[in-house]
Amino acid sequence: MTRSLDAFPNEFWYVQNWPLKWSDGKPTSVQQALLEMGENEWFPMIDYLFEDYTADGVTVDDVMVLVRETNTCEGLNSELDVWVDESGDYKIKVYYDR
């Protein structure tokens, strides 16, 4: 079941405390999940979703704009699959506990 991301607060979207502490595979914000993506995930996603741009020219902020436009996640508990694109081909896991 999918739902909108509209109701999530700012801490769901952005890292609240800098410097960034690595999450050991359980990022607690969209920004952290994107920052922690490995090159083997990041570059194929960028090549597919931003085909008119070079992969080096796309930032985490650019992808976050796309996530906000897509505005969809799956899951009802603290482990959410956040859709990056409208078809749900690319998703990131965010571990968010309200």
N, C-alpha and C. Protein backbone atom coordinates (compact mmCIF):
# COMPACT_ATOMS: atom_id res chain seq x y z
N MET A 1 0.83 -1.17 0.00
CA MET A 1 0.00 0.00 0.00
C MET A 1 0.89 1.25 0.00
N THR A 2 0.59 2.17 -0.88
CA THR A 2 1.37 3.40 -0.95
C THR A 2 0.63 4.54 -0.26
N ARG A 3 1.41 5.55 0.12
CA ARG A 3 0.82 6.74 0.72
C ARG A 3 1.69 7.95 0.41
N SER A 4 1.13 9.10 0.67
CA SER A 4 1.79 10.38 0.39
C SER A 4 2.84 10.69 1.45
N LEU A 5 3.82 11.49 1.06
CA LEU A 5 4.86 11.94 1.99
C LEU A 5 4.55 13.33 2.56
N ASP A 6 3.42 13.90 2.20
CA ASP A 6 3.08 15.26 2.60
C ASP A 6 3.10 15.50 4.10
N ALA A 7 2.71 14.53 4.87
CA ALA A 7 2.55 14.73 6.31
C ALA A 7 3.85 14.58 7.11
N PHE A 8 4.93 14.18 6.46
CA PHE A 8 6.16 13.95 7.19
C PHE A 8 6.86 15.28 7.50
N PRO A 9 7.40 15.39 8.72
CA PRO A 9 8.08 16.63 9.12
C PRO A 9 9.47 16.76 8.51
N ASN A 10 10.10 17.88 8.76
CA ASN A 10 11.41 18.22 8.21
C ASN A 10 12.47 17.18 8.54
N GLU A 11 12.43 16.61 9.74
CA GLU A 11 13.48 15.64 10.11
C GLU A 11 13.38 14.34 9.32
N PHE A 12 12.25 14.08 8.69
CA PHE A 12 12.14 12.93 7.79
C PHE A 12 12.93 13.19 6.51
N TRP A 13 13.01 14.44 6.11
CA TRP A 13 13.64 14.81 4.85
C TRP A 13 15.14 15.06 4.96
N TYR A 14 15.56 15.75 6.00
CA TYR A 14 16.94 16.23 6.08
C TYR A 14 17.67 15.73 7.31
N VAL A 15 18.98 15.59 7.17
CA VAL A 15 19.85 15.25 8.29
C VAL A 15 19.78 16.42 9.28
N GLN A 16 19.53 16.12 10.52
CA GLN A 16 19.35 17.17 11.52
C GLN A 16 20.65 17.57 12.21
N ASN A 17 21.58 16.67 12.31
CA ASN A 17 22.83 16.96 13.03
C ASN A 17 24.03 16.69 12.14
N TRP A 18 24.85 17.70 11.97
CA TRP A 18 26.09 17.56 11.21
C TRP A 18 27.24 17.58 12.19
N PRO A 19 28.32 16.90 11.98
CA PRO A 19 28.60 16.10 10.80
C PRO A 19 27.75 14.84 10.76
N LEU A 20 27.56 14.37 9.56
CA LEU A 20 26.75 13.19 9.32
C LEU A 20 27.38 11.98 9.99
N LYS A 21 26.59 11.26 10.76
CA LYS A 21 27.04 9.99 11.34
C LYS A 21 26.45 8.89 10.48
N TRP A 22 27.28 7.95 10.07
CA TRP A 22 26.81 6.86 9.22
C TRP A 22 25.80 6.02 9.98
N SER A 23 24.80 5.58 9.28
CA SER A 23 23.65 4.94 9.90
C SER A 23 23.75 3.42 10.00
N ASP A 24 24.85 2.83 9.57
CA ASP A 24 24.98 1.37 9.57
C ASP A 24 23.85 0.70 8.80
N GLY A 25 23.46 1.33 7.69
CA GLY A 25 22.44 0.74 6.83
C GLY A 25 21.02 1.07 7.21
N LYS A 26 20.82 1.95 8.18
CA LYS A 26 19.47 2.33 8.59
C LYS A 26 19.34 3.85 8.63
N PRO A 27 19.34 4.49 7.47
CA PRO A 27 19.23 5.96 7.44
C PRO A 27 17.88 6.42 7.97
N THR A 28 17.89 7.53 8.68
CA THR A 28 16.67 8.03 9.31
C THR A 28 16.07 9.23 8.58
N SER A 29 16.65 9.62 7.47
CA SER A 29 16.08 10.70 6.65
C SER A 29 16.32 10.38 5.17
N VAL A 30 15.55 11.03 4.33
CA VAL A 30 15.71 10.86 2.88
C VAL A 30 17.11 11.31 2.46
N GLN A 31 17.54 12.45 2.94
CA GLN A 31 18.85 12.98 2.60
C GLN A 31 19.96 12.00 2.99
N GLN A 32 19.88 11.45 4.19
CA GLN A 32 20.90 10.51 4.65
C GLN A 32 20.90 9.25 3.79
N ALA A 33 19.72 8.75 3.44
CA ALA A 33 19.64 7.55 2.59
C ALA A 33 20.32 7.80 1.24
N LEU A 34 20.12 8.97 0.69
CA LEU A 34 20.75 9.29 -0.60
C LEU A 34 22.25 9.49 -0.46
N LEU A 35 22.67 10.17 0.61
CA LEU A 35 24.10 10.39 0.83
C LEU A 35 24.87 9.10 1.04
N GLU A 36 24.20 8.10 1.59
CA GLU A 36 24.87 6.83 1.89
C GLU A 36 24.79 5.81 0.76
N MET A 37 24.14 6.16 -0.33
CA MET A 37 24.07 5.21 -1.45
C MET A 37 25.46 4.95 -2.01
N GLY A 38 25.71 3.71 -2.31
CA GLY A 38 26.98 3.36 -2.94
C GLY A 38 26.96 3.73 -4.42
N GLU A 39 28.12 3.83 -4.99
CA GLU A 39 28.23 4.19 -6.41
C GLU A 39 27.49 3.20 -7.29
N ASN A 40 27.46 1.93 -6.91
CA ASN A 40 26.79 0.90 -7.72
C ASN A 40 25.27 1.09 -7.73
N GLU A 41 24.73 1.83 -6.77
CA GLU A 41 23.31 2.17 -6.77
C GLU A 41 23.07 3.57 -7.35
N TRP A 42 23.91 4.51 -6.93
CA TRP A 42 23.72 5.92 -7.29
C TRP A 42 23.81 6.14 -8.80
N PHE A 43 24.89 5.71 -9.42
CA PHE A 43 25.12 6.03 -10.83
C PHE A 43 24.10 5.40 -11.78
N PRO A 44 23.71 4.13 -11.61
CA PRO A 44 22.66 3.60 -12.48
C PRO A 44 21.33 4.36 -12.32
N MET A 45 21.00 4.72 -11.07
CA MET A 45 19.77 5.47 -10.83
C MET A 45 19.83 6.84 -11.52
N ILE A 46 20.94 7.53 -11.37
CA ILE A 46 21.10 8.86 -11.97
C ILE A 46 21.08 8.76 -13.49
N ASP A 47 21.78 7.78 -14.03
CA ASP A 47 21.80 7.61 -15.50
C ASP A 47 20.41 7.38 -16.05
N TYR A 48 19.58 6.66 -15.32
CA TYR A 48 18.22 6.36 -15.77
C TYR A 48 17.28 7.55 -15.57
N LEU A 49 17.32 8.15 -14.40
CA LEU A 49 16.36 9.20 -14.07
C LEU A 49 16.72 10.58 -14.61
N PHE A 50 17.99 10.82 -14.84
CA PHE A 50 18.46 12.11 -15.33
C PHE A 50 19.27 11.90 -16.60
N GLU A 51 18.68 11.23 -17.56
CA GLU A 51 19.43 10.81 -18.75
C GLU A 51 19.98 11.97 -19.57
N ASP A 52 19.41 13.16 -19.43
CA ASP A 52 19.90 14.32 -20.18
C ASP A 52 21.06 15.04 -19.50
N TYR A 53 21.49 14.54 -18.32
CA TYR A 53 22.55 15.17 -17.56
C TYR A 53 23.68 14.19 -17.33
N THR A 54 24.86 14.70 -17.03
CA THR A 54 25.96 13.82 -16.67
C THR A 54 25.78 13.44 -15.20
N ALA A 55 26.15 12.25 -14.86
CA ALA A 55 25.97 11.74 -13.49
C ALA A 55 26.70 12.62 -12.47
N ASP A 56 27.84 13.17 -12.87
CA ASP A 56 28.61 14.02 -11.95
C ASP A 56 27.92 15.36 -11.70
N GLY A 57 27.00 15.74 -12.58
CA GLY A 57 26.32 17.02 -12.44
C GLY A 57 25.05 16.97 -11.62
N VAL A 58 24.62 15.79 -11.19
CA VAL A 58 23.39 15.62 -10.41
C VAL A 58 23.75 15.51 -8.93
N THR A 59 23.06 16.28 -8.10
CA THR A 59 23.34 16.29 -6.67
C THR A 59 22.23 15.59 -5.89
N VAL A 60 22.50 15.36 -4.62
CA VAL A 60 21.49 14.79 -3.72
C VAL A 60 20.27 15.70 -3.69
N ASP A 61 20.48 17.00 -3.69
CA ASP A 61 19.36 17.95 -3.70
C ASP A 61 18.50 17.79 -4.94
N ASP A 62 19.12 17.53 -6.09
CA ASP A 62 18.36 17.30 -7.33
C ASP A 62 17.46 16.07 -7.19
N VAL A 63 17.99 15.03 -6.59
CA VAL A 63 17.21 13.79 -6.41
C VAL A 63 16.11 14.02 -5.38
N MET A 64 16.39 14.81 -4.36
CA MET A 64 15.36 15.10 -3.35
C MET A 64 14.18 15.85 -3.96
N VAL A 65 14.44 16.71 -4.92
CA VAL A 65 13.35 17.40 -5.63
C VAL A 65 12.47 16.36 -6.32
N LEU A 66 13.09 15.39 -6.95
CA LEU A 66 12.35 14.33 -7.64
C LEU A 66 11.53 13.50 -6.64
N VAL A 67 12.12 13.18 -5.48
CA VAL A 67 11.40 12.43 -4.45
C VAL A 67 10.19 13.21 -3.97
N ARG A 68 10.34 14.52 -3.77
CA ARG A 68 9.21 15.35 -3.32
C ARG A 68 8.11 15.39 -4.38
N GLU A 69 8.50 15.46 -5.64
CA GLU A 69 7.51 15.46 -6.73
C GLU A 69 6.79 14.12 -6.81
N THR A 70 7.53 13.03 -6.61
CA THR A 70 6.95 11.70 -6.66
C THR A 70 5.99 11.50 -5.48
N ASN A 71 6.39 11.97 -4.29
CA ASN A 71 5.51 12.06 -3.13
C ASN A 71 4.84 10.72 -2.75
N THR A 72 5.63 9.64 -2.75
CA THR A 72 5.06 8.32 -2.49
C THR A 72 6.01 7.48 -1.64
N CYS A 73 5.42 6.73 -0.72
CA CYS A 73 6.19 5.73 0.02
C CYS A 73 5.31 4.52 0.27
N GLU A 74 5.96 3.44 0.63
CA GLU A 74 5.28 2.20 1.01
C GLU A 74 5.71 1.86 2.42
N GLY A 75 4.79 1.28 3.17
CA GLY A 75 5.10 0.85 4.52
C GLY A 75 4.33 1.67 5.53
N LEU A 76 4.05 1.04 6.64
CA LEU A 76 3.29 1.71 7.68
C LEU A 76 4.07 1.83 8.98
N ASN A 77 5.15 1.12 9.08
CA ASN A 77 5.96 1.14 10.29
C ASN A 77 7.17 2.04 10.09
N SER A 78 8.18 1.84 10.88
CA SER A 78 9.35 2.71 10.80
C SER A 78 10.23 2.43 9.58
N GLU A 79 10.04 1.32 8.92
CA GLU A 79 10.83 1.00 7.73
C GLU A 79 10.00 1.33 6.49
N LEU A 80 10.37 2.42 5.81
CA LEU A 80 9.60 2.90 4.67
C LEU A 80 10.41 2.79 3.39
N ASP A 81 9.75 2.39 2.32
CA ASP A 81 10.35 2.43 1.00
C ASP A 81 9.87 3.70 0.34
N VAL A 82 10.77 4.66 0.17
CA VAL A 82 10.44 5.95 -0.42
C VAL A 82 10.74 5.88 -1.91
N TRP A 83 9.73 6.20 -2.71
CA TRP A 83 9.88 6.15 -4.16
C TRP A 83 10.66 7.36 -4.65
N VAL A 84 11.65 7.11 -5.49
CA VAL A 84 12.41 8.20 -6.10
C VAL A 84 11.73 8.63 -7.40
N ASP A 85 11.19 7.67 -8.13
CA ASP A 85 10.54 7.97 -9.41
C ASP A 85 9.07 7.53 -9.35
N GLU A 86 8.28 8.04 -10.25
CA GLU A 86 6.84 7.81 -10.23
C GLU A 86 6.44 6.34 -10.43
N SER A 87 7.24 5.58 -11.12
CA SER A 87 6.91 4.18 -11.36
C SER A 87 7.37 3.28 -10.21
N GLY A 88 8.15 3.83 -9.29
CA GLY A 88 8.63 3.03 -8.16
C GLY A 88 9.76 2.09 -8.53
N ASP A 89 10.40 2.33 -9.67
CA ASP A 89 11.54 1.50 -10.06
C ASP A 89 12.73 1.72 -9.13
N TYR A 90 12.87 2.94 -8.63
CA TYR A 90 13.96 3.27 -7.72
C TYR A 90 13.36 3.70 -6.39
N LYS A 91 13.80 3.04 -5.34
CA LYS A 91 13.31 3.32 -3.99
C LYS A 91 14.50 3.39 -3.03
N ILE A 92 14.30 4.12 -1.96
CA ILE A 92 15.30 4.15 -0.89
C ILE A 92 14.59 3.78 0.40
N LYS A 93 15.31 3.12 1.28
CA LYS A 93 14.77 2.77 2.60
C LYS A 93 15.09 3.89 3.58
N VAL A 94 14.06 4.30 4.31
CA VAL A 94 14.24 5.27 5.40
C VAL A 94 13.62 4.66 6.64
N TYR A 95 14.38 4.66 7.71
CA TYR A 95 13.94 4.12 8.99
C TYR A 95 13.53 5.30 9.86
N TYR A 96 12.27 5.58 9.85
CA TYR A 96 11.75 6.76 10.53
C TYR A 96 10.69 6.34 11.53
N ASP A 97 10.92 6.72 12.77
CA ASP A 97 9.97 6.38 13.83
C ASP A 97 9.41 7.67 14.40
N ARG A 98 8.16 7.91 14.14
CA ARG A 98 7.52 9.15 14.60
C ARG A 98 7.44 9.19 16.09
